[in-house]
């Protein structure tokens, strides 16, 4: 078993498309159960728990009260593949969301790596473009879950990274000799287009006790556990940037029939109730799922695979908007 720690994480509050991805992830998350309090199955299976390749497509709709803000305002894809990165065999998961509403555009990319042997999370990488660009990642290792943000270097005095220095020539006077000037870039992040002036800034380190996951990893780990109608609640620990959460996962009493673009099917309703861990400053309403969904979530998932079928939540977008994420299609292959 690798010493890499396990963890779980989230997306931006105003993101509608982001909400699409997160919703799907939050849904799978609902099915994650721990050994004892939280964790993975007691003994790892030698059979791959996931297909060699899988593609899930979603759409998202939003509304305020009983008033719809339009049809589909965003779409999202989640792709799982078996890959070899260096000497390691991993499951490589990527998610992408696109869309917008009320003048706010978003394009979100999420990537995660899981060990094929042991299913421990390795890396979570989140990048958002559009009206509110940002990027951050969470690295898992013996030091815990380390949250880093992609930021423009602000160390004007004392920066030792030569790539952060601008070099140009100028004249002291308009008729004088030219001179070479070297100075640190002082532009804001929104103004600077030179990506060499950015760096990964360490923001938080979370000690991990037991199994802790990032959002994307948790979605897929859920499939190895499985909840039953009327079964007991489970708890899973999640890492979201500066905060850690214990998410209570409660299955419904019976299967329900839901209709989504992918068709009509029986699904298990799972409720997610997040609570900040001791010492965390998070507030339940601020808990963000992979698609930007906040607070408590309701997820309908396939009772066999725990693939998210439908998700209900709230996206803060200036005002709180109700959001519904629906499965459009799914494809699987046992050939990488």
C-alpha atoms as a PDB file:
ATOM      1  CA  UNK A   1       0.000   0.000   0.000  1.00  0.00           C
ATOM      2  CA  UNK A   2       1.416   3.389  -0.917  1.00  0.00           C
ATOM      3  CA  UNK A   3       2.025   5.969   1.798  1.00  0.00           C
ATOM      4  CA  UNK A   4       0.195   8.554  -0.258  1.00  0.00           C
ATOM      5  CA  UNK A   5      -2.650  10.019   1.723  1.00  0.00           C
ATOM      6  CA  UNK A   6      -6.248  10.054   0.592  1.00  0.00           C
ATOM      7  CA  UNK A   7      -8.312  13.184   0.123  1.00  0.00           C
ATOM      8  CA  UNK A   8     -11.328  14.978  -1.408  1.00  0.00           C
ATOM      9  CA  UNK A   9     -12.063  18.504  -2.838  1.00  0.00           C
ATOM     10  CA  UNK A  10     -14.343  21.113  -4.679  1.00  0.00           C
ATOM     11  CA  UNK A  11     -15.208  24.096  -7.172  1.00  0.00           C
ATOM     12  CA  UNK A  12     -16.137  27.781  -7.430  1.00  0.00           C
ATOM     13  CA  UNK A  13     -19.384  29.082  -6.032  1.00  0.00           C
ATOM     14  CA  UNK A  14     -20.542  31.166  -8.957  1.00  0.00           C
ATOM     15  CA  UNK A  15     -19.859  28.567 -11.564  1.00  0.00           C
ATOM     16  CA  UNK A  16     -22.843  27.142 -13.340  1.00  0.00           C
ATOM     17  CA  UNK A  17     -20.946  24.791 -15.594  1.00  0.00           C
ATOM     18  CA  UNK A  18     -18.644  23.962 -12.791  1.00  0.00           C
ATOM     19  CA  UNK A  19     -21.752  22.983 -10.992  1.00  0.00           C
ATOM     20  CA  UNK A  20     -22.410  20.419 -13.662  1.00  0.00           C
ATOM     21  CA  UNK A  21     -19.192  18.569 -13.038  1.00  0.00           C
ATOM     22  CA  UNK A  22     -19.370  18.842  -9.315  1.00  0.00           C
ATOM     23  CA  UNK A  23     -22.883  17.680  -9.200  1.00  0.00           C
ATOM     24  CA  UNK A  24     -21.984  14.495 -10.938  1.00  0.00           C
ATOM     25  CA  UNK A  25     -19.087  13.988  -8.638  1.00  0.00           C
ATOM     26  CA  UNK A  26     -21.061  14.832  -5.572  1.00  0.00           C
ATOM     27  CA  UNK A  27     -23.507  12.175  -6.584  1.00  0.00           C
ATOM     28  CA  UNK A  28     -20.989   9.419  -6.732  1.00  0.00           C
ATOM     29  CA  UNK A  29     -19.524  10.706  -3.563  1.00  0.00           C
ATOM     30  CA  UNK A  30     -22.782   9.893  -1.939  1.00  0.00           C
ATOM     31  CA  UNK A  31     -22.114   6.206  -2.303  1.00  0.00           C
ATOM     32  CA  UNK A  32     -18.704   6.191  -0.662  1.00  0.00           C
ATOM     33  CA  UNK A  33     -18.637   4.243   2.580  1.00  0.00           C
ATOM     34  CA  UNK A  34     -15.791   3.631   5.038  1.00  0.00           C
ATOM     35  CA  UNK A  35     -14.619   0.610   6.937  1.00  0.00           C
ATOM     36  CA  UNK A  36     -15.733   1.377  10.494  1.00  0.00           C
ATOM     37  CA  UNK A  37     -16.146   5.179  10.365  1.00  0.00           C
ATOM     38  CA  UNK A  38     -14.746   5.961   6.946  1.00  0.00           C
ATOM     39  CA  UNK A  39     -12.412   4.391   4.419  1.00  0.00           C
ATOM     40  CA  UNK A  40     -12.081   1.810   1.707  1.00  0.00           C
ATOM     41  CA  UNK A  41     -13.038  -1.886   1.590  1.00  0.00           C
ATOM     42  CA  UNK A  42     -11.316  -4.163   4.130  1.00  0.00           C
ATOM     43  CA  UNK A  43      -9.350  -6.031   1.470  1.00  0.00           C
ATOM     44  CA  UNK A  44      -8.379  -4.775  -1.994  1.00  0.00           C
ATOM     45  CA  UNK A  45      -9.668  -6.793  -4.890  1.00  0.00           C
ATOM     46  CA  UNK A  46      -7.348  -8.094  -7.594  1.00  0.00           C
ATOM     47  CA  UNK A  47     -10.020  -7.434 -10.185  1.00  0.00           C
ATOM     48  CA  UNK A  48     -10.085  -3.926 -11.631  1.00  0.00           C
ATOM     49  CA  UNK A  49     -13.077  -2.155 -10.055  1.00  0.00           C
ATOM     50  CA  UNK A  50     -13.437   0.223 -13.002  1.00  0.00           C
ATOM     51  CA  UNK A  51     -13.615  -0.281 -16.767  1.00  0.00           C
ATOM     52  CA  UNK A  52     -10.531   0.437 -18.863  1.00  0.00           C
ATOM     53  CA  UNK A  53     -12.290   3.480 -20.286  1.00  0.00           C
ATOM     54  CA  UNK A  54     -15.556   5.232 -19.492  1.00  0.00           C
ATOM     55  CA  UNK A  55     -17.190   8.445 -20.696  1.00  0.00           C
ATOM     56  CA  UNK A  56     -20.112  10.113 -18.904  1.00  0.00           C
ATOM     57  CA  UNK A  57     -21.879  13.175 -20.322  1.00  0.00           C
ATOM     58  CA  UNK A  58     -24.102  15.538 -18.316  1.00  0.00           C
ATOM     59  CA  UNK A  59     -26.246  18.625 -18.759  1.00  0.00           C
ATOM     60  CA  UNK A  60     -27.203  21.240 -16.149  1.00  0.00           C
ATOM     61  CA  UNK A  61     -30.267  23.424 -15.734  1.00  0.00           C
ATOM     62  CA  UNK A  62     -30.871  26.240 -13.228  1.00  0.00           C
ATOM     63  CA  UNK A  63     -33.931  28.101 -11.933  1.00  0.00           C
ATOM     64  CA  UNK A  64     -35.014  30.509  -9.182  1.00  0.00           C
ATOM     65  CA  UNK A  65     -38.081  29.429  -7.266  1.00  0.00           C
ATOM     66  CA  UNK A  66     -40.525  28.265  -9.947  1.00  0.00           C
ATOM     67  CA  UNK A  67     -39.014  30.473 -12.641  1.00  0.00           C
ATOM     68  CA  UNK A  68     -36.730  28.745 -15.167  1.00  0.00           C
ATOM     69  CA  UNK A  69     -33.700  30.662 -16.443  1.00  0.00           C
ATOM     70  CA  UNK A  70     -33.720  28.733 -19.686  1.00  0.00           C
ATOM     71  CA  UNK A  71     -33.157  25.201 -20.850  1.00  0.00           C
ATOM     72  CA  UNK A  72     -29.658  23.722 -20.645  1.00  0.00           C
ATOM     73  CA  UNK A  73     -27.106  26.313 -19.477  1.00  0.00           C
ATOM     74  CA  UNK A  74     -24.128  23.980 -19.300  1.00  0.00           C
ATOM     75  CA  UNK A  75     -22.711  20.593 -20.260  1.00  0.00           C
ATOM     76  CA  UNK A  76     -20.020  18.421 -18.718  1.00  0.00           C
ATOM     77  CA  UNK A  77     -18.000  15.294 -19.477  1.00  0.00           C
ATOM     78  CA  UNK A  78     -16.250  12.872 -17.116  1.00  0.00           C
ATOM     79  CA  UNK A  79     -13.713  10.462 -18.624  1.00  0.00           C
ATOM     80  CA  UNK A  80     -11.932   7.618 -16.822  1.00  0.00           C
ATOM     81  CA  UNK A  81      -8.926   5.873 -18.431  1.00  0.00           C
ATOM     82  CA  UNK A  82      -6.274   3.403 -17.359  1.00  0.00           C
ATOM     83  CA  UNK A  83      -2.824   4.813 -18.067  1.00  0.00           C
ATOM     84  CA  UNK A  84       0.830   4.313 -17.290  1.00  0.00           C
ATOM     85  CA  UNK A  85       2.492   7.504 -16.061  1.00  0.00           C
ATOM     86  CA  UNK A  86       6.201   6.908 -15.611  1.00  0.00           C
ATOM     87  CA  UNK A  87       6.500   3.584 -13.810  1.00  0.00           C
ATOM     88  CA  UNK A  88       3.079   3.874 -12.194  1.00  0.00           C
ATOM     89  CA  UNK A  89      -0.164   2.383 -13.450  1.00  0.00           C
ATOM     90  CA  UNK A  90      -2.970   4.765 -12.623  1.00  0.00           C
ATOM     91  CA  UNK A  91      -6.577   5.604 -13.276  1.00  0.00           C
ATOM     92  CA  UNK A  92      -6.559   9.005 -14.949  1.00  0.00           C
ATOM     93  CA  UNK A  93      -9.817  10.912 -14.554  1.00  0.00           C
ATOM     94  CA  UNK A  94     -10.645  14.121 -16.389  1.00  0.00           C
ATOM     95  CA  UNK A  95     -13.726  16.298 -16.224  1.00  0.00           C
ATOM     96  CA  UNK A  96     -14.653  19.283 -18.362  1.00  0.00           C
ATOM     97  CA  UNK A  97     -17.562  21.698 -18.018  1.00  0.00           C
ATOM     98  CA  UNK A  98     -18.746  24.451 -20.356  1.00  0.00           C
ATOM     99  CA  UNK A  99     -21.555  26.994 -20.278  1.00  0.00           C
ATOM    100  CA  UNK A 100     -22.869  30.106 -18.576  1.00  0.00           C
ATOM    101  CA  UNK A 101     -25.849  32.240 -17.602  1.00  0.00           C
ATOM    102  CA  UNK A 102     -26.689  35.794 -16.535  1.00  0.00           C
ATOM    103  CA  UNK A 103     -23.623  37.052 -18.398  1.00  0.00           C
ATOM    104  CA  UNK A 104     -21.228  34.736 -16.547  1.00  0.00           C
ATOM    105  CA  UNK A 105     -19.257  32.317 -18.747  1.00  0.00           C
ATOM    106  CA  UNK A 106     -17.268  29.361 -17.451  1.00  0.00           C
ATOM    107  CA  UNK A 107     -14.964  26.664 -18.793  1.00  0.00           C
ATOM    108  CA  UNK A 108     -13.709  24.231 -16.173  1.00  0.00           C
ATOM    109  CA  UNK A 109     -11.178  21.388 -16.408  1.00  0.00           C
ATOM    110  CA  UNK A 110     -10.596  18.921 -13.584  1.00  0.00           C
ATOM    111  CA  UNK A 111      -8.023  16.118 -13.485  1.00  0.00           C
ATOM    112  CA  UNK A 112      -7.310  13.434 -10.918  1.00  0.00           C
ATOM    113  CA  UNK A 113      -4.953  10.476 -10.637  1.00  0.00           C
ATOM    114  CA  UNK A 114      -5.591   7.326  -8.583  1.00  0.00           C
ATOM    115  CA  UNK A 115      -3.207   4.429  -8.035  1.00  0.00           C
ATOM    116  CA  UNK A 116      -4.448   1.375  -9.894  1.00  0.00           C
ATOM    117  CA  UNK A 117      -3.004  -0.831  -7.148  1.00  0.00           C
ATOM    118  CA  UNK A 118      -4.483   0.375  -3.871  1.00  0.00           C
ATOM    119  CA  UNK A 119      -6.736   3.105  -5.309  1.00  0.00           C
ATOM    120  CA  UNK A 120      -5.036   5.882  -3.320  1.00  0.00           C
ATOM    121  CA  UNK A 121      -5.437   9.452  -4.643  1.00  0.00           C
ATOM    122  CA  UNK A 122      -2.257  11.023  -6.016  1.00  0.00           C
ATOM    123  CA  UNK A 123      -3.126  14.404  -7.486  1.00  0.00           C
ATOM    124  CA  UNK A 124      -6.135  16.667  -7.994  1.00  0.00           C
ATOM    125  CA  UNK A 125      -5.841  19.567 -10.473  1.00  0.00           C
ATOM    126  CA  UNK A 126      -8.574  22.175 -11.007  1.00  0.00           C
ATOM    127  CA  UNK A 127      -8.476  24.874 -13.698  1.00  0.00           C
ATOM    128  CA  UNK A 128     -11.219  27.388 -14.476  1.00  0.00           C
ATOM    129  CA  UNK A 129     -11.353  29.815 -17.380  1.00  0.00           C
ATOM    130  CA  UNK A 130     -14.001  32.258 -18.524  1.00  0.00           C
ATOM    131  CA  UNK A 131     -15.263  35.170 -16.433  1.00  0.00           C
ATOM    132  CA  UNK A 132     -13.537  34.087 -13.203  1.00  0.00           C
ATOM    133  CA  UNK A 133     -10.241  32.293 -14.050  1.00  0.00           C
ATOM    134  CA  UNK A 134      -8.377  30.351 -11.359  1.00  0.00           C
ATOM    135  CA  UNK A 135      -6.278  27.241 -10.902  1.00  0.00           C
ATOM    136  CA  UNK A 136      -5.259  25.128  -7.912  1.00  0.00           C
ATOM    137  CA  UNK A 137      -4.264  21.582  -7.060  1.00  0.00           C
ATOM    138  CA  UNK A 138      -4.053  19.180  -4.137  1.00  0.00           C
ATOM    139  CA  UNK A 139      -1.090  16.819  -3.858  1.00  0.00           C
ATOM    140  CA  UNK A 140      -1.275  13.688  -1.704  1.00  0.00           C
ATOM    141  CA  UNK A 141       1.806  12.306   0.011  1.00  0.00           C
ATOM    142  CA  UNK A 142       3.431  11.429   3.299  1.00  0.00           C
ATOM    143  CA  UNK A 143       3.073  15.076   4.401  1.00  0.00           C
ATOM    144  CA  UNK A 144      -0.697  14.959   4.011  1.00  0.00           C
ATOM    145  CA  UNK A 145      -2.945  16.693   1.485  1.00  0.00           C
ATOM    146  CA  UNK A 146      -1.162  19.836   0.280  1.00  0.00           C
ATOM    147  CA  UNK A 147      -3.271  22.588  -1.286  1.00  0.00           C
ATOM    148  CA  UNK A 148      -1.446  24.825  -3.786  1.00  0.00           C
ATOM    149  CA  UNK A 149      -2.710  27.741  -5.849  1.00  0.00           C
ATOM    150  CA  UNK A 150      -1.408  28.923  -9.230  1.00  0.00           C
ATOM    151  CA  UNK A 151      -0.558  32.570  -8.535  1.00  0.00           C
ATOM    152  CA  UNK A 152       1.383  35.420 -10.076  1.00  0.00           C
ATOM    153  CA  UNK A 153       4.638  35.971  -8.183  1.00  0.00           C
ATOM    154  CA  UNK A 154       4.390  39.011  -5.906  1.00  0.00           C
ATOM    155  CA  UNK A 155       7.909  38.808  -4.457  1.00  0.00           C
ATOM    156  CA  UNK A 156       9.182  41.976  -6.143  1.00  0.00           C
ATOM    157  CA  UNK A 157      12.209  42.233  -3.834  1.00  0.00           C
ATOM    158  CA  UNK A 158      14.208  39.054  -3.339  1.00  0.00           C
ATOM    159  CA  UNK A 159      12.636  36.765  -5.976  1.00  0.00           C
ATOM    160  CA  UNK A 160      15.304  34.311  -7.139  1.00  0.00           C
ATOM    161  CA  UNK A 161      13.402  32.922 -10.127  1.00  0.00           C
ATOM    162  CA  UNK A 162      14.971  34.497 -13.225  1.00  0.00           C
ATOM    163  CA  UNK A 163      11.913  33.627 -15.318  1.00  0.00           C
ATOM    164  CA  UNK A 164       9.936  36.198 -13.286  1.00  0.00           C
ATOM    165  CA  UNK A 165      12.233  39.017 -14.418  1.00  0.00           C
ATOM    166  CA  UNK A 166      11.468  41.245 -17.414  1.00  0.00           C
ATOM    167  CA  UNK A 167      14.481  42.371 -19.453  1.00  0.00           C
ATOM    168  CA  UNK A 168      14.303  45.286 -21.883  1.00  0.00           C
ATOM    169  CA  UNK A 169      16.368  48.222 -23.186  1.00  0.00           C
ATOM    170  CA  UNK A 170      15.646  51.904 -22.833  1.00  0.00           C
ATOM    171  CA  UNK A 171      17.344  55.271 -23.122  1.00  0.00           C
ATOM    172  CA  UNK A 172      17.930  57.394 -20.044  1.00  0.00           C
ATOM    173  CA  UNK A 173      17.241  60.371 -22.307  1.00  0.00           C
ATOM    174  CA  UNK A 174      15.767  60.315 -25.798  1.00  0.00           C
ATOM    175  CA  UNK A 175      19.163  61.010 -27.357  1.00  0.00           C
ATOM    176  CA  UNK A 176      21.278  59.096 -24.830  1.00  0.00           C
ATOM    177  CA  UNK A 177      22.779  55.583 -25.061  1.00  0.00           C
ATOM    178  CA  UNK A 178      20.582  52.543 -24.558  1.00  0.00           C
ATOM    179  CA  UNK A 179      20.773  50.626 -21.302  1.00  0.00           C
ATOM    180  CA  UNK A 180      19.552  47.188 -20.245  1.00  0.00           C
ATOM    181  CA  UNK A 181      16.916  47.139 -17.528  1.00  0.00           C
ATOM    182  CA  UNK A 182      15.952  44.074 -15.486  1.00  0.00           C
ATOM    183  CA  UNK A 183      13.002  44.266 -13.132  1.00  0.00           C
ATOM    184  CA  UNK A 184      10.452  41.940 -11.557  1.00  0.00           C
ATOM    185  CA  UNK A 185       7.010  41.874 -13.200  1.00  0.00           C
ATOM    186  CA  UNK A 186       4.591  43.975 -11.146  1.00  0.00           C
ATOM    187  CA  UNK A 187       1.431  43.373 -13.141  1.00  0.00           C
ATOM    188  CA  UNK A 188      -1.689  41.897 -11.575  1.00  0.00           C
ATOM    189  CA  UNK A 189      -2.705  38.333 -12.381  1.00  0.00           C
ATOM    190  CA  UNK A 190      -5.469  39.527 -14.694  1.00  0.00           C
ATOM    191  CA  UNK A 191      -3.062  41.793 -16.588  1.00  0.00           C
ATOM    192  CA  UNK A 192      -0.015  39.535 -17.028  1.00  0.00           C
ATOM    193  CA  UNK A 193      -0.146  37.111 -19.957  1.00  0.00           C
ATOM    194  CA  UNK A 194       3.322  35.605 -19.378  1.00  0.00           C
ATOM    195  CA  UNK A 195       2.688  32.236 -17.711  1.00  0.00           C
ATOM    196  CA  UNK A 196       6.370  32.050 -16.696  1.00  0.00           C
ATOM    197  CA  UNK A 197       5.610  34.745 -14.110  1.00  0.00           C
ATOM    198  CA  UNK A 198       3.259  32.371 -12.256  1.00  0.00           C
ATOM    199  CA  UNK A 199       4.151  29.700  -9.700  1.00  0.00           C
ATOM    200  CA  UNK A 200       2.528  27.124  -7.423  1.00  0.00           C
ATOM    201  CA  UNK A 201       2.028  28.816  -4.071  1.00  0.00           C
ATOM    202  CA  UNK A 202       1.560  26.508  -1.091  1.00  0.00           C
ATOM    203  CA  UNK A 203      -1.540  27.592   0.853  1.00  0.00           C
ATOM    204  CA  UNK A 204      -2.532  24.793   3.251  1.00  0.00           C
ATOM    205  CA  UNK A 205      -1.430  21.364   4.439  1.00  0.00           C
ATOM    206  CA  UNK A 206      -4.062  18.997   5.820  1.00  0.00           C
ATOM    207  CA  UNK A 207      -2.915  16.105   8.024  1.00  0.00           C
ATOM    208  CA  UNK A 208      -4.816  13.042   6.925  1.00  0.00           C
ATOM    209  CA  UNK A 209      -5.978  10.431   9.408  1.00  0.00           C
ATOM    210  CA  UNK A 210      -7.518   7.333   7.909  1.00  0.00           C
ATOM    211  CA  UNK A 211      -8.816   7.690   4.375  1.00  0.00           C
ATOM    212  CA  UNK A 212      -9.350  11.169   2.951  1.00  0.00           C
ATOM    213  CA  UNK A 213     -10.270  11.930  -0.650  1.00  0.00           C
ATOM    214  CA  UNK A 214     -10.577  14.636  -3.246  1.00  0.00           C
ATOM    215  CA  UNK A 215     -14.023  15.033  -4.808  1.00  0.00           C
ATOM    216  CA  UNK A 216     -13.227  13.427  -8.122  1.00  0.00           C
ATOM    217  CA  UNK A 217     -11.515  10.412  -6.570  1.00  0.00           C
ATOM    218  CA  UNK A 218     -14.375   9.946  -4.114  1.00  0.00           C
ATOM    219  CA  UNK A 219     -16.849   9.730  -6.947  1.00  0.00           C
ATOM    220  CA  UNK A 220     -15.159   6.680  -8.350  1.00  0.00           C
ATOM    221  CA  UNK A 221     -14.222   5.126  -5.000  1.00  0.00           C
ATOM    222  CA  UNK A 222     -17.932   5.039  -4.262  1.00  0.00           C
ATOM    223  CA  UNK A 223     -18.377   2.275  -6.801  1.00  0.00           C
ATOM    224  CA  UNK A 224     -16.226  -0.128  -4.815  1.00  0.00           C
ATOM    225  CA  UNK A 225     -18.509   0.149  -1.783  1.00  0.00           C
ATOM    226  CA  UNK A 226     -22.181   0.373  -2.670  1.00  0.00           C
ATOM    227  CA  UNK A 227     -25.129   1.546  -0.579  1.00  0.00           C
ATOM    228  CA  UNK A 228     -28.395  -0.334  -0.206  1.00  0.00           C
ATOM    229  CA  UNK A 229     -31.950   1.048   0.031  1.00  0.00           C
ATOM    230  CA  UNK A 230     -32.761   1.602   3.683  1.00  0.00           C
ATOM    231  CA  UNK A 231     -29.152   0.955   4.682  1.00  0.00           C
ATOM    232  CA  UNK A 232     -27.181   2.774   7.361  1.00  0.00           C
ATOM    233  CA  UNK A 233     -25.528   6.129   6.819  1.00  0.00           C
ATOM    234  CA  UNK A 234     -21.806   6.341   6.100  1.00  0.00           C
ATOM    235  CA  UNK A 235     -19.275   9.145   6.532  1.00  0.00           C
ATOM    236  CA  UNK A 236     -16.464  10.140   4.212  1.00  0.00           C
ATOM    237  CA  UNK A 237     -13.811  12.784   4.794  1.00  0.00           C
ATOM    238  CA  UNK A 238     -13.286  15.333   2.035  1.00  0.00           C
ATOM    239  CA  UNK A 239     -10.578  17.946   1.433  1.00  0.00           C
ATOM    240  CA  UNK A 240     -11.616  21.218  -0.214  1.00  0.00           C
ATOM    241  CA  UNK A 241      -8.767  23.683  -0.467  1.00  0.00           C
ATOM    242  CA  UNK A 242      -8.489  25.287   3.017  1.00  0.00           C
ATOM    243  CA  UNK A 243     -11.220  23.150   4.610  1.00  0.00           C
ATOM    244  CA  UNK A 244     -11.919  19.548   5.513  1.00  0.00           C
ATOM    245  CA  UNK A 245     -15.390  18.067   5.737  1.00  0.00           C
ATOM    246  CA  UNK A 246     -17.050  14.940   7.058  1.00  0.00           C
ATOM    247  CA  UNK A 247     -19.861  14.195   4.629  1.00  0.00           C
ATOM    248  CA  UNK A 248     -22.714  12.062   5.959  1.00  0.00           C
ATOM    249  CA  UNK A 249     -24.048   9.830   3.206  1.00  0.00           C
ATOM    250  CA  UNK A 250     -27.590   8.515   3.719  1.00  0.00           C
ATOM    251  CA  UNK A 251     -29.374   6.180   1.253  1.00  0.00           C
ATOM    252  CA  UNK A 252     -33.127   6.400   0.658  1.00  0.00           C
ATOM    253  CA  UNK A 253     -35.562   3.743   1.790  1.00  0.00           C
ATOM    254  CA  UNK A 254     -36.308   2.410  -1.713  1.00  0.00           C
ATOM    255  CA  UNK A 255     -35.387   2.791  -5.368  1.00  0.00           C
ATOM    256  CA  UNK A 256     -37.119   5.554  -7.326  1.00  0.00           C
ATOM    257  CA  UNK A 257     -37.874   5.943 -11.026  1.00  0.00           C
ATOM    258  CA  UNK A 258     -36.186   8.955 -12.607  1.00  0.00           C
ATOM    259  CA  UNK A 259     -36.254  10.211 -16.186  1.00  0.00           C
ATOM    260  CA  UNK A 260     -33.191  11.942 -17.649  1.00  0.00           C
ATOM    261  CA  UNK A 261     -31.886  12.419 -21.217  1.00  0.00           C
ATOM    262  CA  UNK A 262     -30.107   9.044 -20.884  1.00  0.00           C
ATOM    263  CA  UNK A 263     -33.507   7.408 -20.362  1.00  0.00           C
ATOM    264  CA  UNK A 264     -35.824   6.202 -17.629  1.00  0.00           C
ATOM    265  CA  UNK A 265     -34.271   4.060 -14.926  1.00  0.00           C
ATOM    266  CA  UNK A 266     -34.449   2.951 -11.322  1.00  0.00           C
ATOM    267  CA  UNK A 267     -32.121   4.921  -9.049  1.00  0.00           C
ATOM    268  CA  UNK A 268     -31.161   5.163  -5.396  1.00  0.00           C
ATOM    269  CA  UNK A 269     -31.628   8.584  -3.798  1.00  0.00           C
ATOM    270  CA  UNK A 270     -28.642   9.490  -1.641  1.00  0.00           C
ATOM    271  CA  UNK A 271     -28.512  12.562   0.610  1.00  0.00           C
ATOM    272  CA  UNK A 272     -25.191  14.295   1.343  1.00  0.00           C
ATOM    273  CA  UNK A 273     -24.918  16.332   4.554  1.00  0.00           C
ATOM    274  CA  UNK A 274     -21.504  18.040   4.924  1.00  0.00           C
ATOM    275  CA  UNK A 275     -20.147  19.137   8.310  1.00  0.00           C
ATOM    276  CA  UNK A 276     -16.783  20.873   8.844  1.00  0.00           C
ATOM    277  CA  UNK A 277     -14.244  18.837  10.792  1.00  0.00           C
ATOM    278  CA  UNK A 278     -13.009  20.037  14.176  1.00  0.00           C
ATOM    279  CA  UNK A 279     -10.827  23.081  13.683  1.00  0.00           C
ATOM    280  CA  UNK A 280     -12.167  23.825  10.203  1.00  0.00           C
ATOM    281  CA  UNK A 281     -13.775  27.218   9.619  1.00  0.00           C
ATOM    282  CA  UNK A 282     -16.086  26.026   6.854  1.00  0.00           C
ATOM    283  CA  UNK A 283     -19.858  26.615   6.947  1.00  0.00           C
ATOM    284  CA  UNK A 284     -22.208  23.940   5.599  1.00  0.00           C
ATOM    285  CA  UNK A 285     -23.772  26.285   3.047  1.00  0.00           C
ATOM    286  CA  UNK A 286     -20.271  26.986   1.690  1.00  0.00           C
ATOM    287  CA  UNK A 287     -19.445  23.332   1.035  1.00  0.00           C
ATOM    288  CA  UNK A 288     -18.801  23.074  -2.691  1.00  0.00           C
ATOM    289  CA  UNK A 289     -19.185  19.972  -4.756  1.00  0.00           C
ATOM    290  CA  UNK A 290     -17.302  19.359  -7.993  1.00  0.00           C
ATOM    291  CA  UNK A 291     -19.739  21.305 -10.107  1.00  0.00           C
ATOM    292  CA  UNK A 292     -20.010  24.298  -7.851  1.00  0.00           C
ATOM    293  CA  UNK A 293     -23.070  22.932  -6.058  1.00  0.00           C
ATOM    294  CA  UNK A 294     -23.234  24.137  -2.460  1.00  0.00           C
ATOM    295  CA  UNK A 295     -24.539  22.848   0.830  1.00  0.00           C
ATOM    296  CA  UNK A 296     -26.561  19.647   1.195  1.00  0.00           C
ATOM    297  CA  UNK A 297     -27.048  17.666  -2.024  1.00  0.00           C
ATOM    298  CA  UNK A 298     -29.503  15.069  -3.273  1.00  0.00           C
ATOM    299  CA  UNK A 299     -28.144  12.511  -5.706  1.00  0.00           C
ATOM    300  CA  UNK A 300     -29.877   9.725  -7.614  1.00  0.00           C
ATOM    301  CA  UNK A 301     -27.422   7.024  -8.620  1.00  0.00           C
ATOM    302  CA  UNK A 302     -27.477   3.710 -10.398  1.00  0.00           C
ATOM    303  CA  UNK A 303     -27.837   1.058  -7.651  1.00  0.00           C
ATOM    304  CA  UNK A 304     -25.311  -1.236  -9.354  1.00  0.00           C
ATOM    305  CA  UNK A 305     -22.558   1.076 -10.638  1.00  0.00           C
ATOM    306  CA  UNK A 306     -23.331   4.182  -8.540  1.00  0.00           C
ATOM    307  CA  UNK A 307     -22.922   6.321 -11.637  1.00  0.00           C
ATOM    308  CA  UNK A 308     -24.621   9.697 -10.975  1.00  0.00           C
ATOM    309  CA  UNK A 309     -27.948   9.859 -12.819  1.00  0.00           C
ATOM    310  CA  UNK A 310     -29.454  13.076 -11.408  1.00  0.00           C
ATOM    311  CA  UNK A 311     -28.311  15.637  -8.832  1.00  0.00           C
ATOM    312  CA  UNK A 312     -30.127  18.494  -7.122  1.00  0.00           C
ATOM    313  CA  UNK A 313     -28.372  21.335  -5.321  1.00  0.00           C
ATOM    314  CA  UNK A 314     -27.873  25.090  -5.116  1.00  0.00           C
ATOM    315  CA  UNK A 315     -25.393  27.296  -6.995  1.00  0.00           C
ATOM    316  CA  UNK A 316     -24.717  30.723  -5.436  1.00  0.00           C
ATOM    317  CA  UNK A 317     -24.723  33.111  -8.395  1.00  0.00           C
ATOM    318  CA  UNK A 318     -25.267  36.503  -6.859  1.00  0.00           C
ATOM    319  CA  UNK A 319     -28.541  34.919  -5.768  1.00  0.00           C
ATOM    320  CA  UNK A 320     -29.022  31.262  -4.892  1.00  0.00           C
ATOM    321  CA  UNK A 321     -30.092  29.298  -7.963  1.00  0.00           C
ATOM    322  CA  UNK A 322     -31.513  25.782  -7.860  1.00  0.00           C
ATOM    323  CA  UNK A 323     -29.525  23.454 -10.102  1.00  0.00           C
ATOM    324  CA  UNK A 324     -30.262  20.056 -11.588  1.00  0.00           C
ATOM    325  CA  UNK A 325     -27.602  17.920 -13.256  1.00  0.00           C
ATOM    326  CA  UNK A 326     -28.741  15.051 -15.500  1.00  0.00           C
ATOM    327  CA  UNK A 327     -26.974  12.138 -17.180  1.00  0.00           C
ATOM    328  CA  UNK A 328     -27.133  12.430 -20.972  1.00  0.00           C
ATOM    329  CA  UNK A 329     -25.111   9.374 -22.057  1.00  0.00           C
ATOM    330  CA  UNK A 330     -22.565   6.813 -20.868  1.00  0.00           C
ATOM    331  CA  UNK A 331     -20.036   4.644 -22.729  1.00  0.00           C
ATOM    332  CA  UNK A 332     -17.706   1.934 -21.401  1.00  0.00           C
ATOM    333  CA  UNK A 333     -14.933  -0.214 -22.832  1.00  0.00           C
ATOM    334  CA  UNK A 334     -12.721  -2.930 -21.357  1.00  0.00           C
ATOM    335  CA  UNK A 335     -10.013  -2.007 -23.872  1.00  0.00           C
ATOM    336  CA  UNK A 336      -7.763   0.920 -22.890  1.00  0.00           C
END
